[in-house]
Amino acid sequence: GSCVKIVATVSRTRAEGICQHPGEEIVDG
């Protein structure tokens, strides 16, 4: 809801994790 812009869509890839923060709980699988 607050990050409505999708700036990329990725699949099975590596990225650099800068930091992590709690937010909306996602439920999947």
mmCIF file of all heavy atoms, coordinates in Angstrom:
data_MODEL
# 
_entry.id   MODEL 
# 
loop_
_atom_site.group_PDB 
_atom_site.id 
_atom_site.type_symbol 
_atom_site.label_atom_id 
_atom_site.label_alt_id 
_atom_site.label_comp_id 
_atom_site.label_asym_id 
_atom_site.label_entity_id 
_atom_site.label_seq_id 
_atom_site.pdbx_PDB_ins_code 
_atom_site.Cartn_x 
_atom_site.Cartn_y 
_atom_site.Cartn_z 
_atom_site.occupancy 
_atom_site.B_iso_or_equiv 
_atom_site.pdbx_formal_charge 
_atom_site.auth_seq_id 
_atom_site.auth_comp_id 
_atom_site.auth_asym_id 
_atom_site.auth_atom_id 
_atom_site.pdbx_PDB_model_num 
ATOM 1   N N   . GLY A 1 1  ? 0.792  -1.222  0.000   1.00 0.00 ? 1  GLY A N   1 
ATOM 2   C CA  . GLY A 1 1  ? 0.000  0.000   0.000   1.00 0.00 ? 1  GLY A CA  1 
ATOM 3   C C   . GLY A 1 1  ? 0.822  1.268   0.000   1.00 0.00 ? 1  GLY A C   1 
ATOM 4   O O   . GLY A 1 1  ? 0.448  2.256   -0.625  1.00 0.00 ? 1  GLY A O   1 
ATOM 5   N N   . SER A 1 2  ? 1.961  1.272   0.708   1.00 0.00 ? 2  SER A N   1 
ATOM 6   C CA  . SER A 1 2  ? 2.776  2.485   0.774   1.00 0.00 ? 2  SER A CA  1 
ATOM 7   C C   . SER A 1 2  ? 3.866  2.519   -0.291  1.00 0.00 ? 2  SER A C   1 
ATOM 8   O O   . SER A 1 2  ? 4.340  3.591   -0.646  1.00 0.00 ? 2  SER A O   1 
ATOM 9   C CB  . SER A 1 2  ? 3.395  2.648   2.170   1.00 0.00 ? 2  SER A CB  1 
ATOM 10  O OG  . SER A 1 2  ? 4.276  1.588   2.452   1.00 0.00 ? 2  SER A OG  1 
ATOM 11  N N   . CYS A 1 3  ? 4.267  1.386   -0.789  1.00 0.00 ? 3  CYS A N   1 
ATOM 12  C CA  . CYS A 1 3  ? 5.294  1.301   -1.831  1.00 0.00 ? 3  CYS A CA  1 
ATOM 13  C C   . CYS A 1 3  ? 4.612  0.837   -3.119  1.00 0.00 ? 3  CYS A C   1 
ATOM 14  O O   . CYS A 1 3  ? 4.829  -0.282  -3.593  1.00 0.00 ? 3  CYS A O   1 
ATOM 15  C CB  . CYS A 1 3  ? 6.398  0.334   -1.429  1.00 0.00 ? 3  CYS A CB  1 
ATOM 16  S SG  . CYS A 1 3  ? 7.212  0.731   0.133   1.00 0.00 ? 3  CYS A SG  1 
ATOM 17  N N   . VAL A 1 4  ? 3.773  1.702   -3.670  1.00 0.00 ? 4  VAL A N   1 
ATOM 18  C CA  . VAL A 1 4  ? 2.923  1.284   -4.785  1.00 0.00 ? 4  VAL A CA  1 
ATOM 19  C C   . VAL A 1 4  ? 3.675  1.159   -6.107  1.00 0.00 ? 4  VAL A C   1 
ATOM 20  O O   . VAL A 1 4  ? 3.256  0.416   -6.982  1.00 0.00 ? 4  VAL A O   1 
ATOM 21  C CB  . VAL A 1 4  ? 1.711  2.229   -4.958  1.00 0.00 ? 4  VAL A CB  1 
ATOM 22  C CG1 . VAL A 1 4  ? 0.807  2.138   -3.743  1.00 0.00 ? 4  VAL A CG1 1 
ATOM 23  C CG2 . VAL A 1 4  ? 2.158  3.662   -5.192  1.00 0.00 ? 4  VAL A CG2 1 
ATOM 24  N N   . LYS A 1 5  ? 4.802  1.870   -6.238  1.00 0.00 ? 5  LYS A N   1 
ATOM 25  C CA  . LYS A 1 5  ? 5.559  1.785   -7.490  1.00 0.00 ? 5  LYS A CA  1 
ATOM 26  C C   . LYS A 1 5  ? 6.337  0.479   -7.558  1.00 0.00 ? 5  LYS A C   1 
ATOM 27  O O   . LYS A 1 5  ? 7.124  0.168   -6.663  1.00 0.00 ? 5  LYS A O   1 
ATOM 28  C CB  . LYS A 1 5  ? 6.543  2.940   -7.613  1.00 0.00 ? 5  LYS A CB  1 
ATOM 29  C CG  . LYS A 1 5  ? 5.946  4.233   -8.050  1.00 0.00 ? 5  LYS A CG  1 
ATOM 30  C CD  . LYS A 1 5  ? 7.049  5.229   -8.251  1.00 0.00 ? 5  LYS A CD  1 
ATOM 31  C CE  . LYS A 1 5  ? 6.663  6.157   -9.366  1.00 0.00 ? 5  LYS A CE  1 
ATOM 32  N NZ  . LYS A 1 5  ? 7.738  7.098   -9.646  1.00 0.00 ? 5  LYS A NZ  1 
ATOM 33  N N   . ILE A 1 6  ? 6.119  -0.287  -8.606  1.00 0.00 ? 6  ILE A N   1 
ATOM 34  C CA  . ILE A 1 6  ? 6.920  -1.485  -8.850  1.00 0.00 ? 6  ILE A CA  1 
ATOM 35  C C   . ILE A 1 6  ? 8.049  -1.046  -9.770  1.00 0.00 ? 6  ILE A C   1 
ATOM 36  O O   . ILE A 1 6  ? 7.819  -0.706  -10.929 1.00 0.00 ? 6  ILE A O   1 
ATOM 37  C CB  . ILE A 1 6  ? 6.065  -2.604  -9.469  1.00 0.00 ? 6  ILE A CB  1 
ATOM 38  C CG1 . ILE A 1 6  ? 4.977  -3.019  -8.474  1.00 0.00 ? 6  ILE A CG1 1 
ATOM 39  C CG2 . ILE A 1 6  ? 6.944  -3.791  -9.861  1.00 0.00 ? 6  ILE A CG2 1 
ATOM 40  C CD1 . ILE A 1 6  ? 3.950  -3.961  -9.029  1.00 0.00 ? 6  ILE A CD1 1 
ATOM 41  N N   . VAL A 1 7  ? 9.267  -0.993  -9.229  1.00 0.00 ? 7  VAL A N   1 
ATOM 42  C CA  . VAL A 1 7  ? 10.403 -0.477  -9.986  1.00 0.00 ? 7  VAL A CA  1 
ATOM 43  C C   . VAL A 1 7  ? 11.126 -1.566  -10.765 1.00 0.00 ? 7  VAL A C   1 
ATOM 44  O O   . VAL A 1 7  ? 11.945 -1.267  -11.627 1.00 0.00 ? 7  VAL A O   1 
ATOM 45  C CB  . VAL A 1 7  ? 11.387 0.305   -9.078  1.00 0.00 ? 7  VAL A CB  1 
ATOM 46  C CG1 . VAL A 1 7  ? 10.706 1.544   -8.497  1.00 0.00 ? 7  VAL A CG1 1 
ATOM 47  C CG2 . VAL A 1 7  ? 11.927 -0.568  -7.948  1.00 0.00 ? 7  VAL A CG2 1 
ATOM 48  N N   . ALA A 1 8  ? 10.834 -2.838  -10.446 1.00 0.00 ? 8  ALA A N   1 
ATOM 49  C CA  . ALA A 1 8  ? 11.424 -3.967  -11.174 1.00 0.00 ? 8  ALA A CA  1 
ATOM 50  C C   . ALA A 1 8  ? 10.656 -5.229  -10.801 1.00 0.00 ? 8  ALA A C   1 
ATOM 51  O O   . ALA A 1 8  ? 9.973  -5.276  -9.780  1.00 0.00 ? 8  ALA A O   1 
ATOM 52  C CB  . ALA A 1 8  ? 12.901 -4.136  -10.819 1.00 0.00 ? 8  ALA A CB  1 
ATOM 53  N N   . THR A 1 9  ? 10.759 -6.227  -11.650 1.00 0.00 ? 9  THR A N   1 
ATOM 54  C CA  . THR A 1 9  ? 10.255 -7.568  -11.357 1.00 0.00 ? 9  THR A CA  1 
ATOM 55  C C   . THR A 1 9  ? 11.411 -8.517  -11.630 1.00 0.00 ? 9  THR A C   1 
ATOM 56  O O   . THR A 1 9  ? 12.001 -8.475  -12.709 1.00 0.00 ? 9  THR A O   1 
ATOM 57  C CB  . THR A 1 9  ? 9.037  -7.908  -12.239 1.00 0.00 ? 9  THR A CB  1 
ATOM 58  O OG1 . THR A 1 9  ? 8.015  -6.940  -11.983 1.00 0.00 ? 9  THR A OG1 1 
ATOM 59  C CG2 . THR A 1 9  ? 8.500  -9.281  -11.914 1.00 0.00 ? 9  THR A CG2 1 
ATOM 60  N N   . VAL A 1 10 ? 11.759 -9.338  -10.636 1.00 0.00 ? 10 VAL A N   1 
ATOM 61  C CA  . VAL A 1 10 ? 12.945 -10.192 -10.745 1.00 0.00 ? 10 VAL A CA  1 
ATOM 62  C C   . VAL A 1 10 ? 12.585 -11.650 -10.501 1.00 0.00 ? 10 VAL A C   1 
ATOM 63  O O   . VAL A 1 10 ? 11.566 -11.956 -9.879  1.00 0.00 ? 10 VAL A O   1 
ATOM 64  C CB  . VAL A 1 10 ? 14.046 -9.740  -9.762  1.00 0.00 ? 10 VAL A CB  1 
ATOM 65  C CG1 . VAL A 1 10 ? 14.532 -8.346  -10.103 1.00 0.00 ? 10 VAL A CG1 1 
ATOM 66  C CG2 . VAL A 1 10 ? 13.561 -9.790  -8.328  1.00 0.00 ? 10 VAL A CG2 1 
ATOM 67  N N   . SER A 1 11 ? 13.424 -12.543 -10.982 1.00 0.00 ? 11 SER A N   1 
ATOM 68  C CA  . SER A 1 11 ? 13.247 -13.982 -10.798 1.00 0.00 ? 11 SER A CA  1 
ATOM 69  C C   . SER A 1 11 ? 14.597 -14.636 -10.555 1.00 0.00 ? 11 SER A C   1 
ATOM 70  O O   . SER A 1 11 ? 15.546 -14.402 -11.310 1.00 0.00 ? 11 SER A O   1 
ATOM 71  C CB  . SER A 1 11 ? 12.623 -14.601 -12.051 1.00 0.00 ? 11 SER A CB  1 
ATOM 72  O OG  . SER A 1 11 ? 11.356 -14.083 -12.308 1.00 0.00 ? 11 SER A OG  1 
ATOM 73  N N   . ARG A 1 12 ? 14.653 -15.428 -9.491  1.00 0.00 ? 12 ARG A N   1 
ATOM 74  C CA  . ARG A 1 12 ? 15.839 -16.248 -9.207  1.00 0.00 ? 12 ARG A CA  1 
ATOM 75  C C   . ARG A 1 12 ? 17.141 -15.520 -9.522  1.00 0.00 ? 12 ARG A C   1 
ATOM 76  O O   . ARG A 1 12 ? 17.876 -15.897 -10.429 1.00 0.00 ? 12 ARG A O   1 
ATOM 77  C CB  . ARG A 1 12 ? 15.745 -17.553 -9.966  1.00 0.00 ? 12 ARG A CB  1 
ATOM 78  C CG  . ARG A 1 12 ? 14.571 -18.380 -9.523  1.00 0.00 ? 12 ARG A CG  1 
ATOM 79  C CD  . ARG A 1 12 ? 14.516 -19.713 -10.221 1.00 0.00 ? 12 ARG A CD  1 
ATOM 80  N NE  . ARG A 1 12 ? 13.342 -20.428 -9.752  1.00 0.00 ? 12 ARG A NE  1 
ATOM 81  C CZ  . ARG A 1 12 ? 12.559 -21.142 -10.529 1.00 0.00 ? 12 ARG A CZ  1 
ATOM 82  N NH1 . ARG A 1 12 ? 12.837 -21.285 -11.799 1.00 0.00 ? 12 ARG A NH1 1 
ATOM 83  N NH2 . ARG A 1 12 ? 11.500 -21.743 -10.031 1.00 0.00 ? 12 ARG A NH2 1 
ATOM 84  N N   . THR A 1 13 ? 17.421 -14.511 -8.728  1.00 0.00 ? 13 THR A N   1 
ATOM 85  C CA  . THR A 1 13 ? 18.602 -13.689 -8.976  1.00 0.00 ? 13 THR A CA  1 
ATOM 86  C C   . THR A 1 13 ? 19.238 -13.252 -7.669  1.00 0.00 ? 13 THR A C   1 
ATOM 87  O O   . THR A 1 13 ? 18.631 -13.347 -6.607  1.00 0.00 ? 13 THR A O   1 
ATOM 88  C CB  . THR A 1 13 ? 18.229 -12.453 -9.830  1.00 0.00 ? 13 THR A CB  1 
ATOM 89  O OG1 . THR A 1 13 ? 19.418 -11.799 -10.246 1.00 0.00 ? 13 THR A OG1 1 
ATOM 90  C CG2 . THR A 1 13 ? 17.358 -11.474 -9.063  1.00 0.00 ? 13 THR A CG2 1 
ATOM 91  N N   . ARG A 1 14 ? 20.445 -12.778 -7.757  1.00 0.00 ? 14 ARG A N   1 
ATOM 92  C CA  . ARG A 1 14 ? 21.156 -12.226 -6.601  1.00 0.00 ? 14 ARG A CA  1 
ATOM 93  C C   . ARG A 1 14 ? 21.017 -10.716 -6.610  1.00 0.00 ? 14 ARG A C   1 
ATOM 94  O O   . ARG A 1 14 ? 20.901 -10.099 -7.663  1.00 0.00 ? 14 ARG A O   1 
ATOM 95  C CB  . ARG A 1 14 ? 22.639 -12.594 -6.641  1.00 0.00 ? 14 ARG A CB  1 
ATOM 96  C CG  . ARG A 1 14 ? 22.866 -14.056 -6.387  1.00 0.00 ? 14 ARG A CG  1 
ATOM 97  C CD  . ARG A 1 14 ? 24.219 -14.300 -5.710  1.00 0.00 ? 14 ARG A CD  1 
ATOM 98  N NE  . ARG A 1 14 ? 24.226 -15.609 -5.090  1.00 0.00 ? 14 ARG A NE  1 
ATOM 99  C CZ  . ARG A 1 14 ? 23.803 -15.871 -3.860  1.00 0.00 ? 14 ARG A CZ  1 
ATOM 100 N NH1 . ARG A 1 14 ? 23.346 -14.921 -3.102  1.00 0.00 ? 14 ARG A NH1 1 
ATOM 101 N NH2 . ARG A 1 14 ? 23.841 -17.095 -3.379  1.00 0.00 ? 14 ARG A NH2 1 
ATOM 102 N N   . ALA A 1 15 ? 21.038 -10.154 -5.417  1.00 0.00 ? 15 ALA A N   1 
ATOM 103 C CA  . ALA A 1 15 ? 21.000 -8.703  -5.237  1.00 0.00 ? 15 ALA A CA  1 
ATOM 104 C C   . ALA A 1 15 ? 21.770 -8.382  -3.966  1.00 0.00 ? 15 ALA A C   1 
ATOM 105 O O   . ALA A 1 15 ? 22.156 -9.292  -3.223  1.00 0.00 ? 15 ALA A O   1 
ATOM 106 C CB  . ALA A 1 15 ? 19.563 -8.215  -5.132  1.00 0.00 ? 15 ALA A CB  1 
ATOM 107 N N   . GLU A 1 16 ? 22.004 -7.111  -3.734  1.00 0.00 ? 16 GLU A N   1 
ATOM 108 C CA  . GLU A 1 16 ? 22.689 -6.684  -2.520  1.00 0.00 ? 16 GLU A CA  1 
ATOM 109 C C   . GLU A 1 16 ? 21.644 -6.247  -1.505  1.00 0.00 ? 16 GLU A C   1 
ATOM 110 O O   . GLU A 1 16 ? 20.841 -5.353  -1.786  1.00 0.00 ? 16 GLU A O   1 
ATOM 111 C CB  . GLU A 1 16 ? 23.644 -5.542  -2.820  1.00 0.00 ? 16 GLU A CB  1 
ATOM 112 C CG  . GLU A 1 16 ? 24.784 -5.940  -3.729  1.00 0.00 ? 16 GLU A CG  1 
ATOM 113 C CD  . GLU A 1 16 ? 25.692 -4.772  -4.053  1.00 0.00 ? 16 GLU A CD  1 
ATOM 114 O OE1 . GLU A 1 16 ? 25.906 -3.913  -3.170  1.00 0.00 ? 16 GLU A OE1 1 
ATOM 115 O OE2 . GLU A 1 16 ? 26.176 -4.718  -5.189  1.00 0.00 ? 16 GLU A OE2 1 
ATOM 116 N N   . GLY A 1 17 ? 21.639 -6.873  -0.338  1.00 0.00 ? 17 GLY A N   1 
ATOM 117 C CA  . GLY A 1 17 ? 20.740 -6.485  0.742   1.00 0.00 ? 17 GLY A CA  1 
ATOM 118 C C   . GLY A 1 17 ? 21.363 -5.348  1.522   1.00 0.00 ? 17 GLY A C   1 
ATOM 119 O O   . GLY A 1 17 ? 22.391 -5.530  2.168   1.00 0.00 ? 17 GLY A O   1 
ATOM 120 N N   . ILE A 1 18 ? 20.771 -4.164  1.450   1.00 0.00 ? 18 ILE A N   1 
ATOM 121 C CA  . ILE A 1 18 ? 21.306 -2.983  2.130   1.00 0.00 ? 18 ILE A CA  1 
ATOM 122 C C   . ILE A 1 18 ? 20.924 -3.009  3.605   1.00 0.00 ? 18 ILE A C   1 
ATOM 123 O O   . ILE A 1 18 ? 21.754 -2.839  4.485   1.00 0.00 ? 18 ILE A O   1 
ATOM 124 C CB  . ILE A 1 18 ? 20.814 -1.697  1.450   1.00 0.00 ? 18 ILE A CB  1 
ATOM 125 C CG1 . ILE A 1 18 ? 21.337 -1.646  0.012   1.00 0.00 ? 18 ILE A CG1 1 
ATOM 126 C CG2 . ILE A 1 18 ? 21.236 -0.465  2.234   1.00 0.00 ? 18 ILE A CG2 1 
ATOM 127 C CD1 . ILE A 1 18 ? 20.716 -0.567  -0.853  1.00 0.00 ? 18 ILE A CD1 1 
ATOM 128 N N   . CYS A 1 19 ? 19.630 -3.210  3.878   1.00 0.00 ? 19 CYS A N   1 
ATOM 129 C CA  . CYS A 1 19 ? 19.148 -3.315  5.259   1.00 0.00 ? 19 CYS A CA  1 
ATOM 130 C C   . CYS A 1 19 ? 17.749 -3.911  5.238   1.00 0.00 ? 19 CYS A C   1 
ATOM 131 O O   . CYS A 1 19 ? 17.140 -4.035  4.167   1.00 0.00 ? 19 CYS A O   1 
ATOM 132 C CB  . CYS A 1 19 ? 19.157 -1.952  5.960   1.00 0.00 ? 19 CYS A CB  1 
ATOM 133 S SG  . CYS A 1 19 ? 18.027 -0.720  5.283   1.00 0.00 ? 19 CYS A SG  1 
ATOM 134 N N   . GLN A 1 20 ? 17.243 -4.305  6.414   1.00 0.00 ? 20 GLN A N   1 
ATOM 135 C CA  . GLN A 1 20 ? 15.896 -4.874  6.491   1.00 0.00 ? 20 GLN A CA  1 
ATOM 136 C C   . GLN A 1 20 ? 15.101 -4.176  7.581   1.00 0.00 ? 20 GLN A C   1 
ATOM 137 O O   . GLN A 1 20 ? 15.668 -3.667  8.555   1.00 0.00 ? 20 GLN A O   1 
ATOM 138 C CB  . GLN A 1 20 ? 15.940 -6.384  6.670   1.00 0.00 ? 20 GLN A CB  1 
ATOM 139 C CG  . GLN A 1 20 ? 16.769 -6.906  7.806   1.00 0.00 ? 20 GLN A CG  1 
ATOM 140 C CD  . GLN A 1 20 ? 16.960 -8.408  7.734   1.00 0.00 ? 20 GLN A CD  1 
ATOM 141 O OE1 . GLN A 1 20 ? 16.155 -9.151  7.197   1.00 0.00 ? 20 GLN A OE1 1 
ATOM 142 N NE2 . GLN A 1 20 ? 18.057 -8.883  8.309   1.00 0.00 ? 20 GLN A NE2 1 
ATOM 143 N N   . HIS A 1 21 ? 13.770 -4.145  7.373   1.00 0.00 ? 21 HIS A N   1 
ATOM 144 C CA  . HIS A 1 21 ? 12.887 -3.388  8.257   1.00 0.00 ? 21 HIS A CA  1 
ATOM 145 C C   . HIS A 1 21 ? 11.516 -4.073  8.305   1.00 0.00 ? 21 HIS A C   1 
ATOM 146 O O   . HIS A 1 21 ? 11.064 -4.591  7.282   1.00 0.00 ? 21 HIS A O   1 
ATOM 147 C CB  . HIS A 1 21 ? 12.743 -1.963  7.695   1.00 0.00 ? 21 HIS A CB  1 
ATOM 148 C CG  . HIS A 1 21 ? 12.140 -0.993  8.639   1.00 0.00 ? 21 HIS A CG  1 
ATOM 149 N ND1 . HIS A 1 21 ? 12.773 -0.551  9.769   1.00 0.00 ? 21 HIS A ND1 1 
ATOM 150 C CD2 . HIS A 1 21 ? 10.948 -0.361  8.612   1.00 0.00 ? 21 HIS A CD2 1 
ATOM 151 C CE1 . HIS A 1 21 ? 11.997 0.318   10.395  1.00 0.00 ? 21 HIS A CE1 1 
ATOM 152 N NE2 . HIS A 1 21 ? 10.871 0.446   9.708   1.00 0.00 ? 21 HIS A NE2 1 
ATOM 153 N N   . PRO A 1 22 ? 10.854 -4.075  9.459   1.00 0.00 ? 22 PRO A N   1 
ATOM 154 C CA  . PRO A 1 22 ? 9.527  -4.677  9.509   1.00 0.00 ? 22 PRO A CA  1 
ATOM 155 C C   . PRO A 1 22 ? 8.497  -3.823  8.774   1.00 0.00 ? 22 PRO A C   1 
ATOM 156 O O   . PRO A 1 22 ? 8.599  -2.596  8.746   1.00 0.00 ? 22 PRO A O   1 
ATOM 157 C CB  . PRO A 1 22 ? 9.213  -4.752  11.005  1.00 0.00 ? 22 PRO A CB  1 
ATOM 158 C CG  . PRO A 1 22 ? 10.101 -3.755  11.653  1.00 0.00 ? 22 PRO A CG  1 
ATOM 159 C CD  . PRO A 1 22 ? 11.306 -3.621  10.776  1.00 0.00 ? 22 PRO A CD  1 
ATOM 160 N N   . GLY A 1 23 ? 7.523  -4.482  8.169   1.00 0.00 ? 23 GLY A N   1 
ATOM 161 C CA  . GLY A 1 23 ? 6.458  -3.797  7.447   1.00 0.00 ? 23 GLY A CA  1 
ATOM 162 C C   . GLY A 1 23 ? 5.246  -4.697  7.354   1.00 0.00 ? 23 GLY A C   1 
ATOM 163 O O   . GLY A 1 23 ? 4.996  -5.519  8.238   1.00 0.00 ? 23 GLY A O   1 
ATOM 164 N N   . GLU A 1 24 ? 4.512  -4.570  6.250   1.00 0.00 ? 24 GLU A N   1 
ATOM 165 C CA  . GLU A 1 24 ? 3.308  -5.371  6.040   1.00 0.00 ? 24 GLU A CA  1 
ATOM 166 C C   . GLU A 1 24 ? 3.647  -6.865  6.045   1.00 0.00 ? 24 GLU A C   1 
ATOM 167 O O   . GLU A 1 24 ? 4.608  -7.295  5.417   1.00 0.00 ? 24 GLU A O   1 
ATOM 168 C CB  . GLU A 1 24 ? 2.680  -5.011  4.695   1.00 0.00 ? 24 GLU A CB  1 
ATOM 169 C CG  . GLU A 1 24 ? 1.502  -5.879  4.324   1.00 0.00 ? 24 GLU A CG  1 
ATOM 170 C CD  . GLU A 1 24 ? 1.012  -5.662  2.897   1.00 0.00 ? 24 GLU A CD  1 
ATOM 171 O OE1 . GLU A 1 24 ? 1.731  -5.039  2.077   1.00 0.00 ? 24 GLU A OE1 1 
ATOM 172 O OE2 . GLU A 1 24 ? -0.079 -6.150  2.595   1.00 0.00 ? 24 GLU A OE2 1 
ATOM 173 N N   . GLU A 1 25 ? 2.842  -7.639  6.744   1.00 0.00 ? 25 GLU A N   1 
ATOM 174 C CA  . GLU A 1 25 ? 3.031  -9.088  6.731   1.00 0.00 ? 25 GLU A CA  1 
ATOM 175 C C   . GLU A 1 25 ? 2.497  -9.655  5.415   1.00 0.00 ? 25 GLU A C   1 
ATOM 176 O O   . GLU A 1 25 ? 1.367  -9.392  5.033   1.00 0.00 ? 25 GLU A O   1 
ATOM 177 C CB  . GLU A 1 25 ? 2.312  -9.746  7.900   1.00 0.00 ? 25 GLU A CB  1 
ATOM 178 C CG  . GLU A 1 25 ? 2.540  -11.244 7.955   1.00 0.00 ? 25 GLU A CG  1 
ATOM 179 C CD  . GLU A 1 25 ? 1.894  -11.887 9.152   1.00 0.00 ? 25 GLU A CD  1 
ATOM 180 O OE1 . GLU A 1 25 ? 0.642  -11.940 9.192   1.00 0.00 ? 25 GLU A OE1 1 
ATOM 181 O OE2 . GLU A 1 25 ? 2.636  -12.319 10.045  1.00 0.00 ? 25 GLU A OE2 1 
ATOM 182 N N   . ILE A 1 26 ? 3.334  -10.424 4.735   1.00 0.00 ? 26 ILE A N   1 
ATOM 183 C CA  . ILE A 1 26 ? 2.961  -11.076 3.488   1.00 0.00 ? 26 ILE A CA  1 
ATOM 184 C C   . ILE A 1 26 ? 2.759  -12.563 3.780   1.00 0.00 ? 26 ILE A C   1 
ATOM 185 O O   . ILE A 1 26 ? 3.554  -13.175 4.497   1.00 0.00 ? 26 ILE A O   1 
ATOM 186 C CB  . ILE A 1 26 ? 4.055  -10.878 2.408   1.00 0.00 ? 26 ILE A CB  1 
ATOM 187 C CG1 . ILE A 1 26 ? 4.272  -9.390  2.122   1.00 0.00 ? 26 ILE A CG1 1 
ATOM 188 C CG2 . ILE A 1 26 ? 3.715  -11.652 1.142   1.00 0.00 ? 26 ILE A CG2 1 
ATOM 189 C CD1 . ILE A 1 26 ? 3.074  -8.666  1.540   1.00 0.00 ? 26 ILE A CD1 1 
ATOM 190 N N   . VAL A 1 27 ? 1.703  -13.130 3.218   1.00 0.00 ? 27 VAL A N   1 
ATOM 191 C CA  . VAL A 1 27 ? 1.407  -14.554 3.368   1.00 0.00 ? 27 VAL A CA  1 
ATOM 192 C C   . VAL A 1 27 ? 1.412  -15.156 1.970   1.00 0.00 ? 27 VAL A C   1 
ATOM 193 O O   . VAL A 1 27 ? 0.733  -14.667 1.070   1.00 0.00 ? 27 VAL A O   1 
ATOM 194 C CB  . VAL A 1 27 ? 0.035  -14.785 4.045   1.00 0.00 ? 27 VAL A CB  1 
ATOM 195 C CG1 . VAL A 1 27 ? -0.264 -16.262 4.144   1.00 0.00 ? 27 VAL A CG1 1 
ATOM 196 C CG2 . VAL A 1 27 ? -0.012 -14.108 5.405   1.00 0.00 ? 27 VAL A CG2 1 
ATOM 197 N N   . ASP A 1 28 ? 2.226  -16.206 1.777   1.00 0.00 ? 28 ASP A N   1 
ATOM 198 C CA  . ASP A 1 28 ? 2.320  -16.856 0.468   1.00 0.00 ? 28 ASP A CA  1 
ATOM 199 C C   . ASP A 1 28 ? 2.790  -18.290 0.666   1.00 0.00 ? 28 ASP A C   1 
ATOM 200 O O   . ASP A 1 28 ? 3.767  -18.529 1.389   1.00 0.00 ? 28 ASP A O   1 
ATOM 201 C CB  . ASP A 1 28 ? 3.289  -16.087 -0.428  1.00 0.00 ? 28 ASP A CB  1 
ATOM 202 C CG  . ASP A 1 28 ? 3.208  -16.497 -1.897  1.00 0.00 ? 28 ASP A CG  1 
ATOM 203 O OD1 . ASP A 1 28 ? 2.385  -17.376 -2.237  1.00 0.00 ? 28 ASP A OD1 1 
ATOM 204 O OD2 . ASP A 1 28 ? 3.965  -15.936 -2.699  1.00 0.00 ? 28 ASP A OD2 1 
ATOM 205 N N   . GLY A 1 29 ? 2.114  -19.227 0.037   1.00 0.00 ? 29 GLY A N   1 
ATOM 206 C CA  . GLY A 1 29 ? 2.517  -20.630 0.076   1.00 0.00 ? 29 GLY A CA  1 
ATOM 207 C C   . GLY A 1 29 ? 2.585  -21.217 1.469   1.00 0.00 ? 29 GLY A C   1 
ATOM 208 O O   . GLY A 1 29 ? 3.428  -22.074 1.737   1.00 0.00 ? 29 GLY A O   1 
# 
